[in-house]
Amino acid sequence: VAAQKCRKRKLNAILNLEEDVCNLQTQKESLKKEHSQCSKSINQIKQKLNSLYHDIFSRLRDDQGRPVNPCQYVIHCSSNGSVFIIPKHLAKSEQKQDNRKE
């Protein structure tokens, strides 16, 4: 009787583990699909942001009416919602300061 109970417990444990494996495989597939969708969304947002960035710089002019060079300037958004166009070398030094704060 003890051996039968032991075999039954072992069989139940195996069945439970097989069920867990099945559930985890289903969850894994679901997470893969979600990851794929998120990656696609991120790529679309990156494309839109890049397009917006180019659109903004195509409309910007300096004091003499010349186009602003996107290679020399960057768009900077501050924490209060203000947007600035600043030289790249200033943006790099500001990023270093932000990294030090973190």
PDB file of N, CA and C in Angstrom:
ATOM      1  N   VAL A   1       0.841  -1.197   0.000  1.00  0.00           N
ATOM      2  CA  VAL A   1       0.000   0.000   0.000  1.00  0.00           C
ATOM      3  C   VAL A   1       0.882   1.254   0.000  1.00  0.00           C
ATOM      4  N   ALA A   2       1.915   1.246   0.814  1.00  0.00           N
ATOM      5  CA  ALA A   2       2.821   2.402   0.875  1.00  0.00           C
ATOM      6  C   ALA A   2       3.499   2.621  -0.472  1.00  0.00           C
ATOM      7  N   ALA A   3       3.883   1.521  -1.129  1.00  0.00           N
ATOM      8  CA  ALA A   3       4.538   1.631  -2.436  1.00  0.00           C
ATOM      9  C   ALA A   3       3.562   2.181  -3.473  1.00  0.00           C
ATOM     10  N   GLN A   4       2.296   1.740  -3.406  1.00  0.00           N
ATOM     11  CA  GLN A   4       1.285   2.252  -4.336  1.00  0.00           C
ATOM     12  C   GLN A   4       1.088   3.752  -4.144  1.00  0.00           C
ATOM     13  N   LYS A   5       0.998   4.172  -2.868  1.00  0.00           N
ATOM     14  CA  LYS A   5       0.820   5.602  -2.582  1.00  0.00           C
ATOM     15  C   LYS A   5       2.026   6.403  -3.078  1.00  0.00           C
ATOM     16  N   CYS A   6       3.201   5.864  -2.897  1.00  0.00           N
ATOM     17  CA  CYS A   6       4.425   6.533  -3.340  1.00  0.00           C
ATOM     18  C   CYS A   6       4.432   6.674  -4.860  1.00  0.00           C
ATOM     19  N   ARG A   7       4.066   5.584  -5.567  1.00  0.00           N
ATOM     20  CA  ARG A   7       4.006   5.635  -7.040  1.00  0.00           C
ATOM     21  C   ARG A   7       2.957   6.645  -7.501  1.00  0.00           C
ATOM     22  N   LYS A   8       1.817   6.666  -6.807  1.00  0.00           N
ATOM     23  CA  LYS A   8       0.744   7.599  -7.165  1.00  0.00           C
ATOM     24  C   LYS A   8       1.205   9.047  -6.972  1.00  0.00           C
ATOM     25  N   ARG A   9       1.888   9.332  -5.833  1.00  0.00           N
ATOM     26  CA  ARG A   9       2.403  10.683  -5.595  1.00  0.00           C
ATOM     27  C   ARG A   9       3.418  11.069  -6.668  1.00  0.00           C
ATOM     28  N   LYS A  10       4.283  10.114  -7.006  1.00  0.00           N
ATOM     29  CA  LYS A  10       5.302  10.376  -8.024  1.00  0.00           C
ATOM     30  C   LYS A  10       4.634  10.654  -9.372  1.00  0.00           C
ATOM     31  N   LEU A  11       3.635   9.861  -9.725  1.00  0.00           N
ATOM     32  CA  LEU A  11       2.906  10.053 -10.981  1.00  0.00           C
ATOM     33  C   LEU A  11       2.206  11.409 -10.990  1.00  0.00           C
ATOM     34  N   ASN A  12       1.574  11.766  -9.868  1.00  0.00           N
ATOM     35  CA  ASN A  12       0.919  13.082  -9.766  1.00  0.00           C
ATOM     36  C   ASN A  12       1.940  14.216  -9.904  1.00  0.00           C
ATOM     37  N   ALA A  13       3.108  14.044  -9.284  1.00  0.00           N
ATOM     38  CA  ALA A  13       4.154  15.065  -9.386  1.00  0.00           C
ATOM     39  C   ALA A  13       4.606  15.211 -10.833  1.00  0.00           C
ATOM     40  N   ILE A  14       4.779  14.083 -11.523  1.00  0.00           N
ATOM     41  CA  ILE A  14       5.191  14.122 -12.933  1.00  0.00           C
ATOM     42  C   ILE A  14       4.122  14.805 -13.782  1.00  0.00           C
ATOM     43  N   LEU A  15       2.860  14.470 -13.566  1.00  0.00           N
ATOM     44  CA  LEU A  15       1.768  15.090 -14.327  1.00  0.00           C
ATOM     45  C   LEU A  15       1.712  16.601 -14.075  1.00  0.00           C
ATOM     46  N   ASN A  16       1.898  16.989 -12.813  1.00  0.00           N
ATOM     47  CA  ASN A  16       1.894  18.418 -12.489  1.00  0.00           C
ATOM     48  C   ASN A  16       3.059  19.143 -13.169  1.00  0.00           C
ATOM     49  N   LEU A  17       4.225  18.498 -13.164  1.00  0.00           N
ATOM     50  CA  LEU A  17       5.385  19.106 -13.819  1.00  0.00           C
ATOM     51  C   LEU A  17       5.184  19.219 -15.329  1.00  0.00           C
ATOM     52  N   GLU A  18       4.592  18.186 -15.932  1.00  0.00           N
ATOM     53  CA  GLU A  18       4.313  18.239 -17.374  1.00  0.00           C
ATOM     54  C   GLU A  18       3.333  19.371 -17.692  1.00  0.00           C
ATOM     55  N   GLU A  19       2.339  19.530 -16.838  1.00  0.00           N
ATOM     56  CA  GLU A  19       1.369  20.620 -17.011  1.00  0.00           C
ATOM     57  C   GLU A  19       2.069  21.980 -16.881  1.00  0.00           C
ATOM     58  N   ASP A  20       2.959  22.086 -15.892  1.00  0.00           N
ATOM     59  CA  ASP A  20       3.716  23.331 -15.714  1.00  0.00           C
ATOM     60  C   ASP A  20       4.573  23.636 -16.935  1.00  0.00           C
ATOM     61  N   VAL A  21       5.219  22.609 -17.489  1.00  0.00           N
ATOM     62  CA  VAL A  21       6.046  22.787 -18.689  1.00  0.00           C
ATOM     63  C   VAL A  21       5.185  23.284 -19.839  1.00  0.00           C
ATOM     64  N   CYS A  22       4.020  22.696 -20.010  1.00  0.00           N
ATOM     65  CA  CYS A  22       3.094  23.119 -21.080  1.00  0.00           C
ATOM     66  C   CYS A  22       2.700  24.585 -20.902  1.00  0.00           C
ATOM     67  N   ASN A  23       2.335  24.952 -19.677  1.00  0.00           N
ATOM     68  CA  ASN A  23       1.936  26.337 -19.401  1.00  0.00           C
ATOM     69  C   ASN A  23       3.087  27.310 -19.652  1.00  0.00           C
ATOM     70  N   LEU A  24       4.279  26.915 -19.247  1.00  0.00           N
ATOM     71  CA  LEU A  24       5.439  27.790 -19.450  1.00  0.00           C
ATOM     72  C   LEU A  24       5.782  27.943 -20.925  1.00  0.00           C
ATOM     73  N   GLN A  25       5.615  26.850 -21.702  1.00  0.00           N
ATOM     74  CA  GLN A  25       5.856  26.948 -23.146  1.00  0.00           C
ATOM     75  C   GLN A  25       4.850  27.888 -23.808  1.00  0.00           C
ATOM     76  N   THR A  26       3.604  27.802 -23.383  1.00  0.00           N
ATOM     77  CA  THR A  26       2.572  28.702 -23.903  1.00  0.00           C
ATOM     78  C   THR A  26       2.898  30.147 -23.534  1.00  0.00           C
ATOM     79  N   GLN A  27       3.307  30.349 -22.285  1.00  0.00           N
ATOM     80  CA  GLN A  27       3.665  31.693 -21.832  1.00  0.00           C
ATOM     81  C   GLN A  27       4.879  32.218 -22.600  1.00  0.00           C
ATOM     82  N   LYS A  28       5.851  31.347 -22.863  1.00  0.00           N
ATOM     83  CA  LYS A  28       7.038  31.734 -23.615  1.00  0.00           C
ATOM     84  C   LYS A  28       6.665  32.202 -25.020  1.00  0.00           C
ATOM     85  N   GLU A  29       5.801  31.462 -25.690  1.00  0.00           N
ATOM     86  CA  GLU A  29       5.359  31.838 -27.034  1.00  0.00           C
ATOM     87  C   GLU A  29       4.620  33.180 -27.009  1.00  0.00           C
ATOM     88  N   SER A  30       3.790  33.351 -26.002  1.00  0.00           N
ATOM     89  CA  SER A  30       3.062  34.605 -25.861  1.00  0.00           C
ATOM     90  C   SER A  30       4.023  35.765 -25.661  1.00  0.00           C
ATOM     91  N   LEU A  31       5.029  35.557 -24.829  1.00  0.00           N
ATOM     92  CA  LEU A  31       6.022  36.612 -24.577  1.00  0.00           C
ATOM     93  C   LEU A  31       6.856  36.904 -25.822  1.00  0.00           C
ATOM     94  N   LYS A  32       7.147  35.875 -26.612  1.00  0.00           N
ATOM     95  CA  LYS A  32       7.876  36.085 -27.871  1.00  0.00           C
ATOM     96  C   LYS A  32       7.064  36.971 -28.815  1.00  0.00           C
ATOM     97  N   LYS A  33       5.768  36.681 -28.924  1.00  0.00           N
ATOM     98  CA  LYS A  33       4.899  37.490 -29.783  1.00  0.00           C
ATOM     99  C   LYS A  33       4.842  38.926 -29.285  1.00  0.00           C
ATOM    100  N   GLU A  34       4.699  39.094 -27.981  1.00  0.00           N
ATOM    101  CA  GLU A  34       4.641  40.431 -27.392  1.00  0.00           C
ATOM    102  C   GLU A  34       5.955  41.178 -27.634  1.00  0.00           C
ATOM    103  N   HIS A  35       7.072  40.493 -27.489  1.00  0.00           N
ATOM    104  CA  HIS A  35       8.378  41.101 -27.731  1.00  0.00           C
ATOM    105  C   HIS A  35       8.498  41.552 -29.179  1.00  0.00           C
ATOM    106  N   SER A  36       8.043  40.705 -30.083  1.00  0.00           N
ATOM    107  CA  SER A  36       8.093  41.031 -31.505  1.00  0.00           C
ATOM    108  C   SER A  36       7.245  42.274 -31.805  1.00  0.00           C
ATOM    109  N   GLN A  37       6.046  42.317 -31.226  1.00  0.00           N
ATOM    110  CA  GLN A  37       5.169  43.477 -31.428  1.00  0.00           C
ATOM    111  C   GLN A  37       5.794  44.734 -30.843  1.00  0.00           C
ATOM    112  N   CYS A  38       6.398  44.618 -29.674  1.00  0.00           N
ATOM    113  CA  CYS A  38       7.055  45.774 -29.050  1.00  0.00           C
ATOM    114  C   CYS A  38       8.223  46.258 -29.895  1.00  0.00           C
ATOM    115  N   SER A  39       8.985  45.330 -30.440  1.00  0.00           N
ATOM    116  CA  SER A  39      10.114  45.700 -31.291  1.00  0.00           C
ATOM    117  C   SER A  39       9.633  46.445 -32.538  1.00  0.00           C
ATOM    118  N   LYS A  40       8.548  45.954 -33.122  1.00  0.00           N
ATOM    119  CA  LYS A  40       7.986  46.628 -34.295  1.00  0.00           C
ATOM    120  C   LYS A  40       7.511  48.031 -33.929  1.00  0.00           C
ATOM    121  N   SER A  41       6.852  48.150 -32.800  1.00  0.00           N
ATOM    122  CA  SER A  41       6.365  49.453 -32.341  1.00  0.00           C
ATOM    123  C   SER A  41       7.518  50.406 -32.098  1.00  0.00           C
ATOM    124  N   ILE A  42       8.567  49.911 -31.472  1.00  0.00           N
ATOM    125  CA  ILE A  42       9.740  50.751 -31.202  1.00  0.00           C
ATOM    126  C   ILE A  42      10.360  51.227 -32.511  1.00  0.00           C
ATOM    127  N   ASN A  43      10.478  50.332 -33.488  1.00  0.00           N
ATOM    128  CA  ASN A  43      11.039  50.715 -34.780  1.00  0.00           C
ATOM    129  C   ASN A  43      10.174  51.757 -35.480  1.00  0.00           C
ATOM    130  N   GLN A  44       8.861  51.603 -35.402  1.00  0.00           N
ATOM    131  CA  GLN A  44       7.964  52.586 -36.007  1.00  0.00           C
ATOM    132  C   GLN A  44       8.106  53.937 -35.319  1.00  0.00           C
ATOM    133  N   ILE A  45       8.194  53.932 -33.997  1.00  0.00           N
ATOM    134  CA  ILE A  45       8.348  55.183 -33.252  1.00  0.00           C
ATOM    135  C   ILE A  45       9.682  55.832 -33.595  1.00  0.00           C
ATOM    136  N   LYS A  46      10.742  55.022 -33.723  1.00  0.00           N
ATOM    137  CA  LYS A  46      12.053  55.557 -34.095  1.00  0.00           C
ATOM    138  C   LYS A  46      11.990  56.215 -35.470  1.00  0.00           C
ATOM    139  N   GLN A  47      11.306  55.570 -36.411  1.00  0.00           N
ATOM    140  CA  GLN A  47      11.174  56.134 -37.753  1.00  0.00           C
ATOM    141  C   GLN A  47      10.403  57.448 -37.715  1.00  0.00           C
ATOM    142  N   LYS A  48       9.318  57.471 -36.950  1.00  0.00           N
ATOM    143  CA  LYS A  48       8.525  58.702 -36.841  1.00  0.00           C
ATOM    144  C   LYS A  48       9.338  59.808 -36.192  1.00  0.00           C
ATOM    145  N   LEU A  49      10.086  59.475 -35.154  1.00  0.00           N
ATOM    146  CA  LEU A  49      10.916  60.452 -34.462  1.00  0.00           C
ATOM    147  C   LEU A  49      11.999  60.989 -35.390  1.00  0.00           C
ATOM    148  N   ASN A  50      12.619  60.104 -36.141  1.00  0.00           N
ATOM    149  CA  ASN A  50      13.644  60.512 -37.095  1.00  0.00           C
ATOM    150  C   ASN A  50      13.054  61.430 -38.161  1.00  0.00           C
ATOM    151  N   SER A  51      11.883  61.088 -38.639  1.00  0.00           N
ATOM    152  CA  SER A  51      11.202  61.911 -39.640  1.00  0.00           C
ATOM    153  C   SER A  51      10.862  63.283 -39.064  1.00  0.00           C
ATOM    154  N   LEU A  52      10.357  63.296 -37.838  1.00  0.00           N
ATOM    155  CA  LEU A  52      10.034  64.551 -37.172  1.00  0.00           C
ATOM    156  C   LEU A  52      11.283  65.397 -36.961  1.00  0.00           C
ATOM    157  N   TYR A  53      12.350  64.749 -36.550  1.00  0.00           N
ATOM    158  CA  TYR A  53      13.628  65.423 -36.334  1.00  0.00           C
ATOM    159  C   TYR A  53      14.085  66.118 -37.618  1.00  0.00           C
ATOM    160  N   HIS A  54      14.044  65.377 -38.737  1.00  0.00           N
ATOM    161  CA  HIS A  54      14.450  65.958 -40.021  1.00  0.00           C
ATOM    162  C   HIS A  54      13.501  67.072 -40.457  1.00  0.00           C
ATOM    163  N   ASP A  55      12.220  66.894 -40.205  1.00  0.00           N
ATOM    164  CA  ASP A  55      11.246  67.918 -40.556  1.00  0.00           C
ATOM    165  C   ASP A  55      11.500  69.206 -39.779  1.00  0.00           C
ATOM    166  N   ILE A  56      11.776  69.060 -38.488  1.00  0.00           N
ATOM    167  CA  ILE A  56      12.045  70.239 -37.649  1.00  0.00           C
ATOM    168  C   ILE A  56      13.287  70.964 -38.148  1.00  0.00           C
ATOM    169  N   PHE A  57      14.368  70.215 -38.387  1.00  0.00           N
ATOM    170  CA  PHE A  57      15.599  70.860 -38.830  1.00  0.00           C
ATOM    171  C   PHE A  57      15.477  71.446 -40.231  1.00  0.00           C
ATOM    172  N   SER A  58      14.617  70.895 -41.069  1.00  0.00           N
ATOM    173  CA  SER A  58      14.445  71.459 -42.408  1.00  0.00           C
ATOM    174  C   SER A  58      13.758  72.828 -42.354  1.00  0.00           C
ATOM    175  N   ARG A  59      13.033  73.105 -41.268  1.00  0.00           N
ATOM    176  CA  ARG A  59      12.315  74.372 -41.128  1.00  0.00           C
ATOM    177  C   ARG A  59      13.079  75.420 -40.315  1.00  0.00           C
ATOM    178  N   LEU A  60      14.084  74.984 -39.576  1.00  0.00           N
ATOM    179  CA  LEU A  60      14.816  75.913 -38.709  1.00  0.00           C
ATOM    180  C   LEU A  60      15.793  76.775 -39.509  1.00  0.00           C
ATOM    181  N   ARG A  61      15.934  78.020 -39.081  1.00  0.00           N
ATOM    182  CA  ARG A  61      16.875  78.950 -39.694  1.00  0.00           C
ATOM    183  C   ARG A  61      17.624  79.685 -38.581  1.00  0.00           C
ATOM    184  N   ASP A  62      18.877  80.043 -38.878  1.00  0.00           N
ATOM    185  CA  ASP A  62      19.639  80.818 -37.900  1.00  0.00           C
ATOM    186  C   ASP A  62      19.312  82.303 -38.061  1.00  0.00           C
ATOM    187  N   ASP A  63      20.052  83.157 -37.361  1.00  0.00           N
ATOM    188  CA  ASP A  63      19.774  84.599 -37.383  1.00  0.00           C
ATOM    189  C   ASP A  63      19.918  85.203 -38.775  1.00  0.00           C
ATOM    190  N   GLN A  64      20.764  84.612 -39.619  1.00  0.00           N
ATOM    191  CA  GLN A  64      20.962  85.130 -40.976  1.00  0.00           C
ATOM    192  C   GLN A  64      20.039  84.451 -42.003  1.00  0.00           C
ATOM    193  N   GLY A  65      19.145  83.595 -41.546  1.00  0.00           N
ATOM    194  CA  GLY A  65      18.194  82.945 -42.437  1.00  0.00           C
ATOM    195  C   GLY A  65      18.717  81.679 -43.090  1.00  0.00           C
ATOM    196  N   ARG A  66      19.898  81.235 -42.684  1.00  0.00           N
ATOM    197  CA  ARG A  66      20.469  80.002 -43.235  1.00  0.00           C
ATOM    198  C   ARG A  66      19.900  78.797 -42.487  1.00  0.00           C
ATOM    199  N   PRO A  67      19.788  77.656 -43.176  1.00  0.00           N
ATOM    200  CA  PRO A  67      19.297  76.446 -42.498  1.00  0.00           C
ATOM    201  C   PRO A  67      20.240  76.041 -41.358  1.00  0.00           C
ATOM    202  N   VAL A  68      19.666  75.532 -40.289  1.00  0.00           N
ATOM    203  CA  VAL A  68      20.456  75.057 -39.156  1.00  0.00           C
ATOM    204  C   VAL A  68      20.977  73.660 -39.505  1.00  0.00           C
ATOM    205  N   ASN A  69      22.260  73.449 -39.293  1.00  0.00           N
ATOM    206  CA  ASN A  69      22.901  72.182 -39.631  1.00  0.00           C
ATOM    207  C   ASN A  69      22.619  71.142 -38.546  1.00  0.00           C
ATOM    208  N   PRO A  70      21.891  70.061 -38.879  1.00  0.00           N
ATOM    209  CA  PRO A  70      21.580  69.041 -37.876  1.00  0.00           C
ATOM    210  C   PRO A  70      22.818  68.276 -37.403  1.00  0.00           C
ATOM    211  N   CYS A  71      23.935  68.410 -38.128  1.00  0.00           N
ATOM    212  CA  CYS A  71      25.175  67.761 -37.689  1.00  0.00           C
ATOM    213  C   CYS A  71      25.824  68.536 -36.540  1.00  0.00           C
ATOM    214  N   GLN A  72      25.487  69.803 -36.413  1.00  0.00           N
ATOM    215  CA  GLN A  72      26.109  70.639 -35.387  1.00  0.00           C
ATOM    216  C   GLN A  72      25.197  70.903 -34.193  1.00  0.00           C
ATOM    217  N   TYR A  73      23.897  70.675 -34.366  1.00  0.00           N
ATOM    218  CA  TYR A  73      22.933  70.984 -33.302  1.00  0.00           C
ATOM    219  C   TYR A  73      22.060  69.769 -32.999  1.00  0.00           C
ATOM    220  N   VAL A  74      21.506  69.765 -31.805  1.00  0.00           N
ATOM    221  CA  VAL A  74      20.568  68.711 -31.394  1.00  0.00           C
ATOM    222  C   VAL A  74      19.351  69.355 -30.753  1.00  0.00           C
ATOM    223  N   ILE A  75      18.265  68.617 -30.754  1.00  0.00           N
ATOM    224  CA  ILE A  75      17.049  69.057 -30.074  1.00  0.00           C
ATOM    225  C   ILE A  75      17.136  68.539 -28.641  1.00  0.00           C
ATOM    226  N   HIS A  76      16.956  69.436 -27.694  1.00  0.00           N
ATOM    227  CA  HIS A  76      17.050  69.063 -26.281  1.00  0.00           C
ATOM    228  C   HIS A  76      15.720  69.369 -25.602  1.00  0.00           C
ATOM    229  N   CYS A  77      15.170  68.378 -24.930  1.00  0.00           N
ATOM    230  CA  CYS A  77      13.929  68.549 -24.179  1.00  0.00           C
ATOM    231  C   CYS A  77      14.270  68.540 -22.696  1.00  0.00           C
ATOM    232  N   SER A  78      13.892  69.599 -22.003  1.00  0.00           N
ATOM    233  CA  SER A  78      14.181  69.658 -20.570  1.00  0.00           C
ATOM    234  C   SER A  78      13.065  68.982 -19.788  1.00  0.00           C
ATOM    235  N   SER A  79      13.305  68.792 -18.511  1.00  0.00           N
ATOM    236  CA  SER A  79      12.340  68.079 -17.673  1.00  0.00           C
ATOM    237  C   SER A  79      11.038  68.866 -17.481  1.00  0.00           C
ATOM    238  N   ASN A  80      11.092  70.187 -17.687  1.00  0.00           N
ATOM    239  CA  ASN A  80       9.873  70.988 -17.529  1.00  0.00           C
ATOM    240  C   ASN A  80       9.070  71.095 -18.822  1.00  0.00           C
ATOM    241  N   GLY A  81       9.521  70.404 -19.890  1.00  0.00           N
ATOM    242  CA  GLY A  81       8.778  70.404 -21.148  1.00  0.00           C
ATOM    243  C   GLY A  81       9.281  71.392 -22.175  1.00  0.00           C
ATOM    244  N   SER A  82      10.269  72.206 -21.818  1.00  0.00           N
ATOM    245  CA  SER A  82      10.839  73.162 -22.768  1.00  0.00           C
ATOM    246  C   SER A  82      11.694  72.432 -23.796  1.00  0.00           C
ATOM    247  N   VAL A  83      11.682  72.955 -25.021  1.00  0.00           N
ATOM    248  CA  VAL A  83      12.469  72.363 -26.099  1.00  0.00           C
ATOM    249  C   VAL A  83      13.463  73.409 -26.592  1.00  0.00           C
ATOM    250  N   PHE A  84      14.725  72.995 -26.717  1.00  0.00           N
ATOM    251  CA  PHE A  84      15.789  73.890 -27.150  1.00  0.00           C
ATOM    252  C   PHE A  84      16.574  73.242 -28.281  1.00  0.00           C
ATOM    253  N   ILE A  85      17.168  74.083 -29.117  1.00  0.00           N
ATOM    254  CA  ILE A  85      18.130  73.633 -30.108  1.00  0.00           C
ATOM    255  C   ILE A  85      19.484  74.088 -29.573  1.00  0.00           C
ATOM    256  N   ILE A  86      20.356  73.120 -29.263  1.00  0.00           N
ATOM    257  CA  ILE A  86      21.637  73.480 -28.681  1.00  0.00           C
ATOM    258  C   ILE A  86      22.773  72.820 -29.461  1.00  0.00           C
ATOM    259  N   PRO A  87      23.960  73.419 -29.410  1.00  0.00           N
ATOM    260  CA  PRO A  87      25.112  72.798 -30.086  1.00  0.00           C
ATOM    261  C   PRO A  87      25.402  71.414 -29.495  1.00  0.00           C
ATOM    262  N   LYS A  88      25.863  70.510 -30.352  1.00  0.00           N
ATOM    263  CA  LYS A  88      26.097  69.132 -29.915  1.00  0.00           C
ATOM    264  C   LYS A  88      27.113  69.056 -28.786  1.00  0.00           C
ATOM    265  N   HIS A  89      28.148  69.880 -28.826  1.00  0.00           N
ATOM    266  CA  HIS A  89      29.175  69.786 -27.793  1.00  0.00           C
ATOM    267  C   HIS A  89      28.608  70.154 -26.418  1.00  0.00           C
ATOM    268  N   LEU A  90      27.618  71.039 -26.380  1.00  0.00           N
ATOM    269  CA  LEU A  90      26.973  71.361 -25.101  1.00  0.00           C
ATOM    270  C   LEU A  90      26.082  70.210 -24.640  1.00  0.00           C
ATOM    271  N   ALA A  91      25.439  69.555 -25.581  1.00  0.00           N
ATOM    272  CA  ALA A  91      24.558  68.434 -25.236  1.00  0.00           C
ATOM    273  C   ALA A  91      25.371  67.294 -24.645  1.00  0.00           C
ATOM    274  N   LYS A  92      26.561  67.056 -25.178  1.00  0.00           N
ATOM    275  CA  LYS A  92      27.409  65.981 -24.669  1.00  0.00           C
ATOM    276  C   LYS A  92      27.853  66.264 -23.247  1.00  0.00           C
ATOM    277  N   SER A  93      28.231  67.523 -22.976  1.00  0.00           N
ATOM    278  CA  SER A  93      28.661  67.856 -21.615  1.00  0.00           C
ATOM    279  C   SER A  93      27.486  67.786 -20.642  1.00  0.00           C
ATOM    280  N   GLU A  94      26.294  68.122 -21.128  1.00  0.00           N
ATOM    281  CA  GLU A  94      25.097  68.053 -20.280  1.00  0.00           C
ATOM    282  C   GLU A  94      24.752  66.597 -19.964  1.00  0.00           C
ATOM    283  N   GLN A  95      24.933  65.710 -20.944  1.00  0.00           N
ATOM    284  CA  GLN A  95      24.676  64.287 -20.719  1.00  0.00           C
ATOM    285  C   GLN A  95      25.640  63.734 -19.675  1.00  0.00           C
ATOM    286  N   LYS A  96      26.892  64.164 -19.734  1.00  0.00           N
ATOM    287  CA  LYS A  96      27.872  63.708 -18.746  1.00  0.00           C
ATOM    288  C   LYS A  96      27.455  64.145 -17.348  1.00  0.00           C
ATOM    289  N   GLN A  97      26.944  65.372 -17.227  1.00  0.00           N
ATOM    290  CA  GLN A  97      26.495  65.864 -15.917  1.00  0.00           C
ATOM    291  C   GLN A  97      25.295  65.061 -15.438  1.00  0.00           C
ATOM    292  N   ASP A  98      24.365  64.755 -16.340  1.00  0.00           N
ATOM    293  CA  ASP A  98      23.185  63.959 -15.973  1.00  0.00           C
ATOM    294  C   ASP A  98      23.609  62.570 -15.508  1.00  0.00           C
ATOM    295  N   ASN A  99      24.586  61.968 -16.210  1.00  0.00           N
ATOM    296  CA  ASN A  99      25.059  60.637 -15.827  1.00  0.00           C
ATOM    297  C   ASN A  99      25.709  60.664 -14.454  1.00  0.00           C
ATOM    298  N   ARG A 100      26.418  61.731 -14.150  1.00  0.00           N
ATOM    299  CA  ARG A 100      27.044  61.834 -12.834  1.00  0.00           C
ATOM    300  C   ARG A 100      25.980  61.957 -11.742  1.00  0.00           C
ATOM    301  N   LYS A 101      24.911  62.690 -12.022  1.00  0.00           N
ATOM    302  CA  LYS A 101      23.828  62.842 -11.044  1.00  0.00           C
ATOM    303  C   LYS A 101      23.182  61.513 -10.728  1.00  0.00           C
ATOM    304  N   GLU A 102      23.002  60.697 -11.781  1.00  0.00           N
ATOM    305  CA  GLU A 102      22.368  59.377 -11.582  1.00  0.00           C
ATOM    306  C   GLU A 102      23.264  58.518 -10.748  1.00  0.00           C
TER     307      GLU A 102
END
